[in-house]
PDB file of N, CA and C in Angstrom:
ATOM      1  N   UNK A   1      -2.397 -12.764  -7.547  1.00  0.00           N
ATOM      2  CA  UNK A   1      -2.713 -11.457  -7.026  1.00  0.00           C
ATOM      3  C   UNK A   1      -1.791 -10.444  -7.685  1.00  0.00           C
ATOM      4  N   UNK A   2      -2.367  -9.345  -8.124  1.00  0.00           N
ATOM      5  CA  UNK A   2      -1.603  -8.303  -8.804  1.00  0.00           C
ATOM      6  C   UNK A   2      -0.710  -7.558  -7.803  1.00  0.00           C
ATOM      7  N   UNK A   3       0.326  -6.928  -8.327  1.00  0.00           N
ATOM      8  CA  UNK A   3       1.264  -6.166  -7.503  1.00  0.00           C
ATOM      9  C   UNK A   3       1.415  -4.764  -8.082  1.00  0.00           C
ATOM     10  N   UNK A   4       2.025  -3.891  -7.300  1.00  0.00           N
ATOM     11  CA  UNK A   4       2.248  -2.514  -7.727  1.00  0.00           C
ATOM     12  C   UNK A   4       3.723  -2.170  -7.693  1.00  0.00           C
ATOM     13  N   UNK A   5       4.105  -1.237  -8.550  1.00  0.00           N
ATOM     14  CA  UNK A   5       5.400  -0.577  -8.438  1.00  0.00           C
ATOM     15  C   UNK A   5       5.099   0.804  -7.884  1.00  0.00           C
ATOM     16  N   UNK A   6       5.802   1.194  -6.819  1.00  0.00           N
ATOM     17  CA  UNK A   6       5.510   2.456  -6.148  1.00  0.00           C
ATOM     18  C   UNK A   6       6.776   3.268  -5.923  1.00  0.00           C
ATOM     19  N   UNK A   7       6.590   4.539  -5.627  1.00  0.00           N
ATOM     20  CA  UNK A   7       7.673   5.404  -5.173  1.00  0.00           C
ATOM     21  C   UNK A   7       7.123   6.267  -4.060  1.00  0.00           C
ATOM     22  N   UNK A   8       8.005   6.748  -3.187  1.00  0.00           N
ATOM     23  CA  UNK A   8       7.499   7.584  -2.116  1.00  0.00           C
ATOM     24  C   UNK A   8       8.526   7.943  -1.068  1.00  0.00           C
ATOM     25  N   UNK A   9       8.014   8.465   0.032  1.00  0.00           N
ATOM     26  CA  UNK A   9       8.821   8.964   1.133  1.00  0.00           C
ATOM     27  C   UNK A   9       8.912   7.929   2.243  1.00  0.00           C
ATOM     28  N   UNK A  10      10.113   7.702   2.759  1.00  0.00           N
ATOM     29  CA  UNK A  10      10.340   6.807   3.894  1.00  0.00           C
ATOM     30  C   UNK A  10      10.523   7.692   5.128  1.00  0.00           C
ATOM     31  N   UNK A  11       9.657   7.486   6.130  1.00  0.00           N
ATOM     32  CA  UNK A  11       9.667   8.308   7.338  1.00  0.00           C
ATOM     33  C   UNK A  11      10.506   7.674   8.441  1.00  0.00           C
ATOM     34  N   UNK A  12      10.877   8.476   9.417  1.00  0.00           N
ATOM     35  CA  UNK A  12      11.688   8.016  10.540  1.00  0.00           C
ATOM     36  C   UNK A  12      11.011   6.946  11.382  1.00  0.00           C
ATOM     37  N   UNK A  13       9.686   6.874  11.332  1.00  0.00           N
ATOM     38  CA  UNK A  13       8.945   5.856  12.086  1.00  0.00           C
ATOM     39  C   UNK A  13       8.941   4.517  11.354  1.00  0.00           C
ATOM     40  N   UNK A  14       9.408   4.518  10.095  1.00  0.00           N
ATOM     41  CA  UNK A  14       9.440   3.283   9.328  1.00  0.00           C
ATOM     42  C   UNK A  14       8.345   3.168   8.288  1.00  0.00           C
ATOM     43  N   UNK A  15       7.330   4.032   8.371  1.00  0.00           N
ATOM     44  CA  UNK A  15       6.263   3.987   7.377  1.00  0.00           C
ATOM     45  C   UNK A  15       6.747   4.557   6.051  1.00  0.00           C
ATOM     46  N   UNK A  16       6.050   4.187   4.998  1.00  0.00           N
ATOM     47  CA  UNK A  16       6.408   4.547   3.631  1.00  0.00           C
ATOM     48  C   UNK A  16       5.157   5.077   2.947  1.00  0.00           C
ATOM     49  N   UNK A  17       5.138   6.376   2.634  1.00  0.00           N
ATOM     50  CA  UNK A  17       3.978   6.973   1.943  1.00  0.00           C
ATOM     51  C   UNK A  17       4.221   6.850   0.448  1.00  0.00           C
ATOM     52  N   UNK A  18       3.293   6.190  -0.232  1.00  0.00           N
ATOM     53  CA  UNK A  18       3.542   5.803  -1.609  1.00  0.00           C
ATOM     54  C   UNK A  18       2.726   6.580  -2.632  1.00  0.00           C
ATOM     55  N   UNK A  19       3.227   6.505  -3.831  1.00  0.00           N
ATOM     56  CA  UNK A  19       2.521   6.951  -5.020  1.00  0.00           C
ATOM     57  C   UNK A  19       2.626   5.790  -5.994  1.00  0.00           C
ATOM     58  N   UNK A  20       1.484   5.329  -6.459  1.00  0.00           N
ATOM     59  CA  UNK A  20       1.459   4.175  -7.352  1.00  0.00           C
ATOM     60  C   UNK A  20       1.922   4.568  -8.743  1.00  0.00           C
ATOM     61  N   UNK A  21       2.867   3.799  -9.291  1.00  0.00           N
ATOM     62  CA  UNK A  21       3.382   4.085 -10.616  1.00  0.00           C
ATOM     63  C   UNK A  21       2.825   3.153 -11.673  1.00  0.00           C
ATOM     64  N   UNK A  22       2.722   1.874 -11.332  1.00  0.00           N
ATOM     65  CA  UNK A  22       2.358   0.882 -12.333  1.00  0.00           C
ATOM     66  C   UNK A  22       1.775  -0.351 -11.657  1.00  0.00           C
ATOM     67  N   UNK A  23       0.780  -0.944 -12.300  1.00  0.00           N
ATOM     68  CA  UNK A  23       0.215  -2.206 -11.820  1.00  0.00           C
ATOM     69  C   UNK A  23       0.827  -3.334 -12.634  1.00  0.00           C
ATOM     70  N   UNK A  24       1.222  -4.400 -11.945  1.00  0.00           N
ATOM     71  CA  UNK A  24       1.720  -5.596 -12.612  1.00  0.00           C
ATOM     72  C   UNK A  24       0.617  -6.643 -12.530  1.00  0.00           C
ATOM     73  N   UNK A  25       0.057  -6.965 -13.680  1.00  0.00           N
ATOM     74  CA  UNK A  25      -1.099  -7.857 -13.760  1.00  0.00           C
ATOM     75  C   UNK A  25      -0.680  -9.315 -13.562  1.00  0.00           C
ATOM     76  N   UNK A  26      -1.430 -10.028 -12.730  1.00  0.00           N
ATOM     77  CA  UNK A  26      -1.149 -11.445 -12.468  1.00  0.00           C
ATOM     78  C   UNK A  26      -1.820 -12.367 -13.487  1.00  0.00           C
ATOM     79  N   UNK A  27      -2.719 -11.821 -14.286  1.00  0.00           N
ATOM     80  CA  UNK A  27      -3.457 -12.574 -15.312  1.00  0.00           C
ATOM     81  C   UNK A  27      -4.219 -13.756 -14.719  1.00  0.00           C
ATOM     82  N   UNK A  28      -4.794 -13.537 -13.547  1.00  0.00           N
ATOM     83  CA  UNK A  28      -5.559 -14.577 -12.861  1.00  0.00           C
ATOM     84  C   UNK A  28      -7.037 -14.193 -12.886  1.00  0.00           C
ATOM     85  N   UNK A  29      -7.884 -15.088 -13.332  1.00  0.00           N
ATOM     86  CA  UNK A  29      -9.324 -14.791 -13.415  1.00  0.00           C
ATOM     87  C   UNK A  29      -9.979 -14.605 -12.052  1.00  0.00           C
ATOM     88  N   UNK A  30      -9.305 -15.023 -10.976  1.00  0.00           N
ATOM     89  CA  UNK A  30      -9.855 -14.901  -9.630  1.00  0.00           C
ATOM     90  C   UNK A  30      -9.328 -13.675  -8.876  1.00  0.00           C
ATOM     91  N   UNK A  31      -8.653 -12.788  -9.567  1.00  0.00           N
ATOM     92  CA  UNK A  31      -8.152 -11.538  -8.979  1.00  0.00           C
ATOM     93  C   UNK A  31      -8.950 -10.380  -9.567  1.00  0.00           C
ATOM     94  N   UNK A  32      -9.620  -9.607  -8.720  1.00  0.00           N
ATOM     95  CA  UNK A  32     -10.490  -8.526  -9.203  1.00  0.00           C
ATOM     96  C   UNK A  32      -9.720  -7.413  -9.919  1.00  0.00           C
ATOM     97  N   UNK A  33      -8.421  -7.286  -9.679  1.00  0.00           N
ATOM     98  CA  UNK A  33      -7.620  -6.229 -10.305  1.00  0.00           C
ATOM     99  C   UNK A  33      -7.072  -6.646 -11.668  1.00  0.00           C
ATOM    100  N   UNK A  34      -7.174  -7.898 -12.011  1.00  0.00           N
ATOM    101  CA  UNK A  34      -6.605  -8.415 -13.258  1.00  0.00           C
ATOM    102  C   UNK A  34      -7.519  -8.150 -14.449  1.00  0.00           C
ATOM    103  N   UNK A  35      -6.911  -7.982 -15.621  1.00  0.00           N
ATOM    104  CA  UNK A  35      -7.697  -7.831 -16.845  1.00  0.00           C
ATOM    105  C   UNK A  35      -8.400  -9.141 -17.198  1.00  0.00           C
ATOM    106  N   UNK A  36      -7.964 -10.254 -16.626  1.00  0.00           N
ATOM    107  CA  UNK A  36      -8.578 -11.566 -16.894  1.00  0.00           C
ATOM    108  C   UNK A  36      -9.808 -11.840 -16.030  1.00  0.00           C
ATOM    109  N   UNK A  37     -10.074 -10.994 -15.037  1.00  0.00           N
ATOM    110  CA  UNK A  37     -11.236 -11.185 -14.177  1.00  0.00           C
ATOM    111  C   UNK A  37     -12.496 -10.792 -14.938  1.00  0.00           C
ATOM    112  N   UNK A  38     -13.503 -11.671 -14.984  1.00  0.00           N
ATOM    113  CA  UNK A  38     -14.721 -11.344 -15.728  1.00  0.00           C
ATOM    114  C   UNK A  38     -15.487 -10.170 -15.096  1.00  0.00           C
ATOM    115  N   UNK A  39     -15.983  -9.278 -15.926  1.00  0.00           N
ATOM    116  CA  UNK A  39     -16.723  -8.103 -15.436  1.00  0.00           C
ATOM    117  C   UNK A  39     -18.017  -8.493 -14.754  1.00  0.00           C
ATOM    118  N   UNK A  40     -18.630  -9.560 -15.188  1.00  0.00           N
ATOM    119  CA  UNK A  40     -19.908  -9.994 -14.618  1.00  0.00           C
ATOM    120  C   UNK A  40     -19.731 -11.220 -13.726  1.00  0.00           C
ATOM    121  N   UNK A  41     -18.699 -11.220 -12.897  1.00  0.00           N
ATOM    122  CA  UNK A  41     -18.397 -12.339 -12.007  1.00  0.00           C
ATOM    123  C   UNK A  41     -19.563 -12.513 -11.010  1.00  0.00           C
ATOM    124  N   UNK A  42     -20.293 -13.632 -11.088  1.00  0.00           N
ATOM    125  CA  UNK A  42     -21.454 -13.830 -10.214  1.00  0.00           C
ATOM    126  C   UNK A  42     -21.030 -14.107  -8.765  1.00  0.00           C
ATOM    127  N   UNK A  43     -21.653 -13.410  -7.829  1.00  0.00           N
ATOM    128  CA  UNK A  43     -21.384 -13.611  -6.403  1.00  0.00           C
ATOM    129  C   UNK A  43     -19.875 -13.613  -6.131  1.00  0.00           C
ATOM    130  N   UNK A  44     -19.225 -12.556  -6.532  1.00  0.00           N
ATOM    131  CA  UNK A  44     -17.754 -12.465  -6.555  1.00  0.00           C
ATOM    132  C   UNK A  44     -17.125 -12.573  -5.161  1.00  0.00           C
ATOM    133  N   UNK A  45     -16.343 -13.623  -4.976  1.00  0.00           N
ATOM    134  CA  UNK A  45     -15.548 -13.818  -3.761  1.00  0.00           C
ATOM    135  C   UNK A  45     -14.068 -13.873  -4.132  1.00  0.00           C
ATOM    136  N   UNK A  46     -13.716 -13.211  -5.209  1.00  0.00           N
ATOM    137  CA  UNK A  46     -12.359 -13.246  -5.738  1.00  0.00           C
ATOM    138  C   UNK A  46     -11.414 -12.375  -4.906  1.00  0.00           C
ATOM    139  N   UNK A  47     -10.124 -12.546  -5.133  1.00  0.00           N
ATOM    140  CA  UNK A  47      -9.082 -11.788  -4.428  1.00  0.00           C
ATOM    141  C   UNK A  47      -9.265 -10.300  -4.682  1.00  0.00           C
ATOM    142  N   UNK A  48      -9.330  -9.506  -3.602  1.00  0.00           N
ATOM    143  CA  UNK A  48      -9.584  -8.073  -3.728  1.00  0.00           C
ATOM    144  C   UNK A  48      -8.393  -7.210  -3.342  1.00  0.00           C
ATOM    145  N   UNK A  49      -7.311  -7.811  -2.879  1.00  0.00           N
ATOM    146  CA  UNK A  49      -6.170  -7.040  -2.392  1.00  0.00           C
ATOM    147  C   UNK A  49      -4.966  -7.222  -3.294  1.00  0.00           C
ATOM    148  N   UNK A  50      -4.129  -6.196  -3.343  1.00  0.00           N
ATOM    149  CA  UNK A  50      -2.863  -6.295  -4.062  1.00  0.00           C
ATOM    150  C   UNK A  50      -1.862  -7.054  -3.202  1.00  0.00           C
ATOM    151  N   UNK A  51      -0.920  -7.712  -3.853  1.00  0.00           N
ATOM    152  CA  UNK A  51       0.174  -8.367  -3.141  1.00  0.00           C
ATOM    153  C   UNK A  51       1.186  -7.318  -2.717  1.00  0.00           C
ATOM    154  N   UNK A  52       2.301  -7.752  -2.120  1.00  0.00           N
ATOM    155  CA  UNK A  52       3.340  -6.798  -1.724  1.00  0.00           C
ATOM    156  C   UNK A  52       3.858  -6.030  -2.947  1.00  0.00           C
ATOM    157  N   UNK A  53       4.324  -4.823  -2.720  1.00  0.00           N
ATOM    158  CA  UNK A  53       4.848  -4.034  -3.834  1.00  0.00           C
ATOM    159  C   UNK A  53       5.975  -4.794  -4.520  1.00  0.00           C
ATOM    160  N   UNK A  54       5.916  -4.831  -5.837  1.00  0.00           N
ATOM    161  CA  UNK A  54       6.952  -5.499  -6.618  1.00  0.00           C
ATOM    162  C   UNK A  54       8.247  -4.696  -6.561  1.00  0.00           C
ATOM    163  N   UNK A  55       8.099  -3.367  -6.517  1.00  0.00           N
ATOM    164  CA  UNK A  55       9.270  -2.507  -6.398  1.00  0.00           C
ATOM    165  C   UNK A  55       8.871  -1.249  -5.647  1.00  0.00           C
ATOM    166  N   UNK A  56       9.691  -0.855  -4.671  1.00  0.00           N
ATOM    167  CA  UNK A  56       9.486   0.378  -3.906  1.00  0.00           C
ATOM    168  C   UNK A  56      10.713   1.257  -4.121  1.00  0.00           C
ATOM    169  N   UNK A  57      10.522   2.398  -4.735  1.00  0.00           N
ATOM    170  CA  UNK A  57      11.611   3.334  -4.951  1.00  0.00           C
ATOM    171  C   UNK A  57      11.457   4.472  -3.953  1.00  0.00           C
ATOM    172  N   UNK A  58      12.446   4.637  -3.078  1.00  0.00           N
ATOM    173  CA  UNK A  58      12.403   5.707  -2.079  1.00  0.00           C
ATOM    174  C   UNK A  58      12.952   6.967  -2.731  1.00  0.00           C
ATOM    175  N   UNK A  59      12.095   7.977  -2.875  1.00  0.00           N
ATOM    176  CA  UNK A  59      12.495   9.235  -3.511  1.00  0.00           C
ATOM    177  C   UNK A  59      12.926  10.281  -2.485  1.00  0.00           C
ATOM    178  N   UNK A  60      12.554  10.071  -1.224  1.00  0.00           N
ATOM    179  CA  UNK A  60      12.920  11.018  -0.164  1.00  0.00           C
ATOM    180  C   UNK A  60      12.931  10.288   1.173  1.00  0.00           C
ATOM    181  N   UNK A  61      13.940  10.556   1.995  1.00  0.00           N
ATOM    182  CA  UNK A  61      13.996  10.022   3.365  1.00  0.00           C
ATOM    183  C   UNK A  61      13.961  11.197   4.330  1.00  0.00           C
ATOM    184  N   UNK A  62      13.222  11.004   5.417  1.00  0.00           N
ATOM    185  CA  UNK A  62      13.146  12.052   6.430  1.00  0.00           C
ATOM    186  C   UNK A  62      13.162  11.421   7.815  1.00  0.00           C
ATOM    187  N   UNK A  63      13.743  12.135   8.763  1.00  0.00           N
ATOM    188  CA  UNK A  63      13.767  11.666  10.152  1.00  0.00           C
ATOM    189  C   UNK A  63      12.430  11.924  10.838  1.00  0.00           C
ATOM    190  N   UNK A  64      11.605  12.778  10.232  1.00  0.00           N
ATOM    191  CA  UNK A  64      10.288  13.081  10.789  1.00  0.00           C
ATOM    192  C   UNK A  64       9.403  11.842  10.784  1.00  0.00           C
ATOM    193  N   UNK A  65       8.436  11.827  11.693  1.00  0.00           N
ATOM    194  CA  UNK A  65       7.458  10.743  11.729  1.00  0.00           C
ATOM    195  C   UNK A  65       6.295  11.087  10.792  1.00  0.00           C
ATOM    196  N   UNK A  66       5.624  10.061  10.280  1.00  0.00           N
ATOM    197  CA  UNK A  66       4.449  10.295   9.435  1.00  0.00           C
ATOM    198  C   UNK A  66       3.335  10.909  10.282  1.00  0.00           C
ATOM    199  N   UNK A  67       2.311  11.422   9.622  1.00  0.00           N
ATOM    200  CA  UNK A  67       1.205  12.098  10.299  1.00  0.00           C
ATOM    201  C   UNK A  67       0.532  11.172  11.319  1.00  0.00           C
ATOM    202  N   UNK A  68       0.360   9.905  10.971  1.00  0.00           N
ATOM    203  CA  UNK A  68      -0.311   8.965  11.879  1.00  0.00           C
ATOM    204  C   UNK A  68       0.499   8.723  13.148  1.00  0.00           C
ATOM    205  N   UNK A  69       1.819   8.704  13.043  1.00  0.00           N
ATOM    206  CA  UNK A  69       2.668   8.401  14.197  1.00  0.00           C
ATOM    207  C   UNK A  69       3.048   9.627  15.018  1.00  0.00           C
ATOM    208  N   UNK A  70       2.969  10.820  14.446  1.00  0.00           N
ATOM    209  CA  UNK A  70       3.363  12.028  15.174  1.00  0.00           C
ATOM    210  C   UNK A  70       2.600  12.174  16.477  1.00  0.00           C
ATOM    211  N   UNK A  71       1.305  11.971  16.447  1.00  0.00           N
ATOM    212  CA  UNK A  71       0.491  12.125  17.654  1.00  0.00           C
ATOM    213  C   UNK A  71       0.943  11.163  18.741  1.00  0.00           C
ATOM    214  N   UNK A  72       1.149   9.904  18.393  1.00  0.00           N
ATOM    215  CA  UNK A  72       1.421   8.871  19.384  1.00  0.00           C
ATOM    216  C   UNK A  72       2.846   8.889  19.900  1.00  0.00           C
ATOM    217  N   UNK A  73       3.810   9.282  19.078  1.00  0.00           N
ATOM    218  CA  UNK A  73       5.201   9.125  19.488  1.00  0.00           C
ATOM    219  C   UNK A  73       5.981  10.417  19.606  1.00  0.00           C
ATOM    220  N   UNK A  74       5.534  11.475  18.983  1.00  0.00           N
ATOM    221  CA  UNK A  74       6.295  12.725  18.999  1.00  0.00           C
ATOM    222  C   UNK A  74       5.616  13.845  19.769  1.00  0.00           C
ATOM    223  N   UNK A  75       4.307  13.889  19.782  1.00  0.00           N
ATOM    224  CA  UNK A  75       3.594  15.019  20.363  1.00  0.00           C
ATOM    225  C   UNK A  75       3.204  14.823  21.827  1.00  0.00           C
ATOM    226  N   UNK A  76       3.751  13.814  22.475  1.00  0.00           N
ATOM    227  CA  UNK A  76       3.499  13.627  23.890  1.00  0.00           C
ATOM    228  C   UNK A  76       2.092  13.180  24.215  1.00  0.00           C
ATOM    229  N   UNK A  77       1.573  12.232  23.482  1.00  0.00           N
ATOM    230  CA  UNK A  77       0.234  11.710  23.787  1.00  0.00           C
ATOM    231  C   UNK A  77       0.202  11.147  25.200  1.00  0.00           C
ATOM    232  N   UNK A  78      -0.873  11.434  25.911  1.00  0.00           N
ATOM    233  CA  UNK A  78      -1.006  10.972  27.293  1.00  0.00           C
ATOM    234  C   UNK A  78      -1.634   9.581  27.326  1.00  0.00           C
ATOM    235  N   UNK A  79      -1.126   8.766  28.221  1.00  0.00           N
ATOM    236  CA  UNK A  79      -1.672   7.424  28.377  1.00  0.00           C
ATOM    237  C   UNK A  79      -2.966   7.505  29.204  1.00  0.00           C
ATOM    238  N   UNK A  80      -3.970   6.714  28.807  1.00  0.00           N
ATOM    239  CA  UNK A  80      -5.220   6.684  29.577  1.00  0.00           C
ATOM    240  C   UNK A  80      -4.980   6.079  30.943  1.00  0.00           C
ATOM    241  N   UNK A  81      -5.749   6.560  31.906  1.00  0.00           N
ATOM    242  CA  UNK A  81      -5.627   6.019  33.270  1.00  0.00           C
ATOM    243  C   UNK A  81      -6.853   5.247  33.627  1.00  0.00           C
TER     244      UNK A  81
END
């Protein structure tokens, strides 16, 4: 499975918003992201996901929560009754 090198912002909630810098090819014919995967793969059930990031470079840290977490943890979301 191919991996990525990324950089991005680390938020106070723990999430990491990334920007992809480079793909590291696994050279596996069963990985759809690899250059070794055949273009005309019949009935393709090959690996479609990237593996964990090979390298994560944090370019900015903030105590703020990411957009997804702000609603639930910072903006006082009400619990359903």
